[in-house]
């Protein structure tokens, strides 16, 4: 999935919260970057820009985005899928992430 599609999927997932915060709105379809998305409020016609970002720490992002780690395992899984028609229930990668109360705020402050 490309970056734009991923961002639109995230935007769709946040719709209920955005409606709760701002009321009903329409997504501006041509808005694609700087910011990543925009909405126009039905009630006022006001336009709000939305930047979609991750607040996870750099180490966690590097681990999950690393394509080299686990490459052999992924090839093995694809081989099993082709051979048997069944997918593996084992995760490609796994990590325990603690979420203290400051997790999101700390991640956002690093983005400023």
Protein backbone atom coordinates (compact mmCIF):
# COMPACT_ATOMS: atom_id res chain seq x y z
CA UNK A 1 0.00 0.00 0.00
CA UNK A 2 1.42 3.41 -0.93
CA UNK A 3 1.78 6.28 1.56
CA UNK A 4 -1.30 8.16 0.31
CA UNK A 5 -3.51 5.06 0.61
CA UNK A 6 -2.20 4.35 4.12
CA UNK A 7 -2.91 7.92 5.19
CA UNK A 8 -6.46 7.77 3.77
CA UNK A 9 -7.07 4.51 5.61
CA UNK A 10 -5.93 6.14 8.86
CA UNK A 11 -8.13 9.16 8.14
CA UNK A 12 -11.13 6.85 7.65
CA UNK A 13 -10.40 5.15 10.99
CA UNK A 14 -10.34 8.53 12.77
CA UNK A 15 -13.64 9.76 11.30
CA UNK A 16 -15.76 8.96 14.39
CA UNK A 17 -13.42 10.94 16.65
CA UNK A 18 -13.19 13.83 14.16
CA UNK A 19 -17.00 13.98 13.94
CA UNK A 20 -17.16 14.05 17.73
CA UNK A 21 -14.66 16.93 17.83
CA UNK A 22 -15.75 19.02 14.84
CA UNK A 23 -19.20 17.83 13.77
CA UNK A 24 -19.99 16.51 10.31
CA UNK A 25 -17.52 17.30 7.55
CA UNK A 26 -16.35 16.41 4.06
CA UNK A 27 -12.84 15.29 3.19
CA UNK A 28 -11.09 17.48 0.60
CA UNK A 29 -10.14 14.82 -2.00
CA UNK A 30 -7.39 16.83 -3.71
CA UNK A 31 -5.50 17.54 -0.46
CA UNK A 32 -2.60 15.08 -0.40
CA UNK A 33 0.42 16.68 1.27
CA UNK A 34 1.39 19.57 3.52
CA UNK A 35 -0.86 18.77 5.28
CA UNK A 36 -1.66 15.13 4.46
CA UNK A 37 -5.41 15.70 4.43
CA UNK A 38 -8.03 18.39 4.95
CA UNK A 39 -11.66 18.49 5.96
CA UNK A 40 -14.35 21.12 5.41
CA UNK A 41 -16.83 21.50 8.25
CA UNK A 42 -20.50 21.27 7.26
CA UNK A 43 -21.63 23.69 9.99
CA UNK A 44 -19.27 26.59 9.24
CA UNK A 45 -17.50 25.80 5.98
CA UNK A 46 -14.21 26.10 7.86
CA UNK A 47 -11.30 24.11 6.52
CA UNK A 48 -9.00 22.12 8.83
CA UNK A 49 -5.69 20.63 7.75
CA UNK A 50 -4.71 17.24 9.16
CA UNK A 51 -1.13 15.97 9.41
CA UNK A 52 -0.96 12.19 9.80
CA UNK A 53 2.13 11.02 11.63
CA UNK A 54 3.45 8.34 13.94
CA UNK A 55 4.50 9.11 17.50
CA UNK A 56 6.29 5.81 18.12
CA UNK A 57 9.93 6.02 19.11
CA UNK A 58 12.63 5.81 16.47
CA UNK A 59 13.83 2.39 17.65
CA UNK A 60 10.37 0.85 17.33
CA UNK A 61 9.83 2.34 13.87
CA UNK A 62 13.21 1.12 12.67
CA UNK A 63 12.52 -2.38 13.93
CA UNK A 64 9.13 -2.72 12.24
CA UNK A 65 10.21 -0.97 9.02
CA UNK A 66 13.41 -3.01 8.60
CA UNK A 67 12.87 -5.15 5.49
CA UNK A 68 16.09 -7.17 5.90
CA UNK A 69 15.21 -8.64 9.28
CA UNK A 70 12.92 -11.64 8.82
CA UNK A 71 13.20 -11.72 5.03
CA UNK A 72 13.93 -15.48 5.02
CA UNK A 73 10.98 -16.08 7.34
CA UNK A 74 8.65 -14.12 5.04
CA UNK A 75 9.84 -16.10 2.01
CA UNK A 76 9.20 -19.32 3.94
CA UNK A 77 5.67 -18.13 4.78
CA UNK A 78 4.95 -17.30 1.13
CA UNK A 79 6.23 -20.73 0.12
CA UNK A 80 3.93 -22.40 2.67
CA UNK A 81 0.99 -20.32 1.43
CA UNK A 82 1.60 -21.32 -2.18
CA UNK A 83 2.14 -24.98 -1.30
CA UNK A 84 -0.73 -25.48 1.14
CA UNK A 85 -3.06 -22.55 0.55
CA UNK A 86 -2.89 -21.71 4.26
CA UNK A 87 -1.19 -18.78 5.92
CA UNK A 88 0.97 -18.93 9.02
CA UNK A 89 -0.41 -17.72 12.32
CA UNK A 90 3.08 -16.76 13.53
CA UNK A 91 3.88 -13.01 13.45
CA UNK A 92 6.70 -11.72 11.25
CA UNK A 93 7.91 -9.47 14.05
CA UNK A 94 6.94 -8.99 17.64
CA UNK A 95 7.79 -6.37 20.26
CA UNK A 96 6.60 -5.38 23.70
CA UNK A 97 6.03 -1.65 23.93
CA UNK A 98 5.25 -0.02 27.24
CA UNK A 99 2.76 2.83 27.09
CA UNK A 100 3.31 5.22 29.98
CA UNK A 101 0.89 8.16 30.27
CA UNK A 102 3.45 10.37 28.53
CA UNK A 103 3.94 8.09 25.46
CA UNK A 104 1.90 10.09 22.95
CA UNK A 105 2.84 13.50 24.31
CA UNK A 106 6.56 12.62 24.24
CA UNK A 107 6.26 11.46 20.65
CA UNK A 108 4.42 14.61 19.60
CA UNK A 109 6.91 16.92 21.32
CA UNK A 110 9.72 15.31 19.29
CA UNK A 111 7.83 16.22 16.10
CA UNK A 112 7.63 19.93 16.92
